[in-house]
């Protein structure tokens, strides 16, 4: 396994994101698992090959592919040169000082 970060950012706003909130529980879980795999893969959101992900998630490839296609319909993942988590690099990137201050002020 390649060296990766041991954590990812998971934003509180996910609780109010209709794209996520309207998913069936199994797809909500699958989305979180894919976020984790993307973070572990450490390639800007690119996910490992489907067969590797299926093994890692202890499921068969056809079921995983069906889940991926459903998640792609709502824009959580996309397939171009392999599967990737949409906007992963942008969401996981370093926040500027101004963003951190603004987020802190909004939280108060």
Protein backbone atom coordinates (compact mmCIF):
# COMPACT_ATOMS: atom_id res chain seq x y z
CA UNK A 1 0.00 0.00 0.00
CA UNK A 2 1.29 3.44 -0.93
CA UNK A 3 2.02 6.09 1.64
CA UNK A 4 -0.99 8.31 2.17
CA UNK A 5 -2.53 10.67 4.64
CA UNK A 6 -4.20 8.86 7.50
CA UNK A 7 -7.23 11.14 7.50
CA UNK A 8 -9.51 13.07 5.14
CA UNK A 9 -11.67 16.14 5.66
CA UNK A 10 -15.32 15.25 6.10
CA UNK A 11 -17.34 18.44 6.27
CA UNK A 12 -20.29 18.94 8.64
CA UNK A 13 -22.33 20.28 5.73
CA UNK A 14 -22.59 16.72 4.42
CA UNK A 15 -25.50 16.34 6.85
CA UNK A 16 -27.51 18.96 4.92
CA UNK A 17 -26.29 18.15 1.42
CA UNK A 18 -29.36 16.89 -0.47
CA UNK A 19 -27.12 14.98 -2.86
CA UNK A 20 -25.90 12.85 0.06
CA UNK A 21 -28.96 12.97 2.32
CA UNK A 22 -31.27 11.56 -0.33
CA UNK A 23 -29.09 8.52 -0.92
CA UNK A 24 -30.20 5.16 0.44
CA UNK A 25 -28.16 4.20 3.51
CA UNK A 26 -26.05 1.66 1.62
CA UNK A 27 -25.00 4.26 -0.97
CA UNK A 28 -24.33 6.88 1.72
CA UNK A 29 -21.95 4.39 3.33
CA UNK A 30 -20.43 3.51 -0.03
CA UNK A 31 -19.77 7.21 -0.73
CA UNK A 32 -17.93 7.59 2.58
CA UNK A 33 -15.91 4.44 1.86
CA UNK A 34 -14.97 5.87 -1.54
CA UNK A 35 -13.90 9.16 0.06
CA UNK A 36 -11.63 7.15 2.36
CA UNK A 37 -10.21 5.07 -0.51
CA UNK A 38 -9.53 8.26 -2.51
CA UNK A 39 -7.73 9.75 0.47
CA UNK A 40 -5.68 6.64 0.95
CA UNK A 41 -4.87 6.48 -2.77
CA UNK A 42 -3.54 10.06 -2.50
CA UNK A 43 -3.97 10.85 -6.20
CA UNK A 44 -6.25 13.88 -6.20
CA UNK A 45 -9.46 11.89 -5.91
CA UNK A 46 -8.57 9.11 -8.31
CA UNK A 47 -9.76 5.79 -6.98
CA UNK A 48 -7.97 2.45 -7.22
CA UNK A 49 -8.99 0.02 -9.99
CA UNK A 50 -12.49 -1.42 -9.58
CA UNK A 51 -11.27 -4.95 -8.82
CA UNK A 52 -9.00 -3.65 -6.05
CA UNK A 53 -11.80 -1.58 -4.54
CA UNK A 54 -14.20 -4.53 -4.67
CA UNK A 55 -11.73 -6.73 -2.83
CA UNK A 56 -11.02 -4.02 -0.27
CA UNK A 57 -14.72 -3.44 0.36
CA UNK A 58 -15.37 -7.21 0.43
CA UNK A 59 -17.93 -7.18 -2.34
CA UNK A 60 -18.19 -8.35 -5.91
CA UNK A 61 -17.26 -6.09 -8.80
CA UNK A 62 -20.70 -6.05 -10.42
CA UNK A 63 -22.37 -4.80 -7.21
CA UNK A 64 -19.68 -2.16 -6.76
CA UNK A 65 -20.02 -1.04 -10.36
CA UNK A 66 -23.79 -0.67 -9.88
CA UNK A 67 -23.16 1.48 -6.79
CA UNK A 68 -20.57 3.56 -8.65
CA UNK A 69 -22.99 4.20 -11.51
CA UNK A 70 -25.71 5.34 -9.08
CA UNK A 71 -23.25 7.64 -7.30
CA UNK A 72 -22.13 9.02 -10.67
CA UNK A 73 -25.74 9.94 -11.49
CA UNK A 74 -25.79 12.37 -8.56
CA UNK A 75 -22.24 13.65 -9.19
CA UNK A 76 -20.42 12.12 -6.22
CA UNK A 77 -18.05 10.13 -8.44
CA UNK A 78 -17.20 10.31 -12.12
CA UNK A 79 -15.46 8.13 -14.63
CA UNK A 80 -12.97 9.49 -17.13
CA UNK A 81 -9.60 7.75 -17.03
CA UNK A 82 -10.74 5.55 -14.18
CA UNK A 83 -13.14 6.34 -11.36
CA UNK A 84 -12.58 9.38 -9.17
CA UNK A 85 -14.37 11.29 -6.42
CA UNK A 86 -15.72 14.55 -7.81
CA UNK A 87 -14.02 17.69 -6.43
CA UNK A 88 -11.95 15.60 -4.01
CA UNK A 89 -8.70 17.52 -4.53
CA UNK A 90 -10.43 20.87 -4.13
CA UNK A 91 -12.24 19.82 -0.93
CA UNK A 92 -9.18 18.18 0.59
CA UNK A 93 -6.76 20.96 -0.25
CA UNK A 94 -5.18 23.29 2.26
CA UNK A 95 -7.48 26.11 3.36
CA UNK A 96 -6.14 29.63 3.19
CA UNK A 97 -5.87 31.69 6.37
CA UNK A 98 -8.77 33.83 5.17
CA UNK A 99 -10.96 30.75 4.66
CA UNK A 100 -10.11 29.42 8.13
CA UNK A 101 -10.87 32.77 9.77
CA UNK A 102 -14.12 33.11 7.82
CA UNK A 103 -15.19 29.55 8.74
CA UNK A 104 -14.35 30.21 12.39
CA UNK A 105 -16.41 33.41 12.39
CA UNK A 106 -19.38 31.68 10.75
CA UNK A 107 -19.23 28.89 13.31
CA UNK A 108 -19.63 31.35 16.20
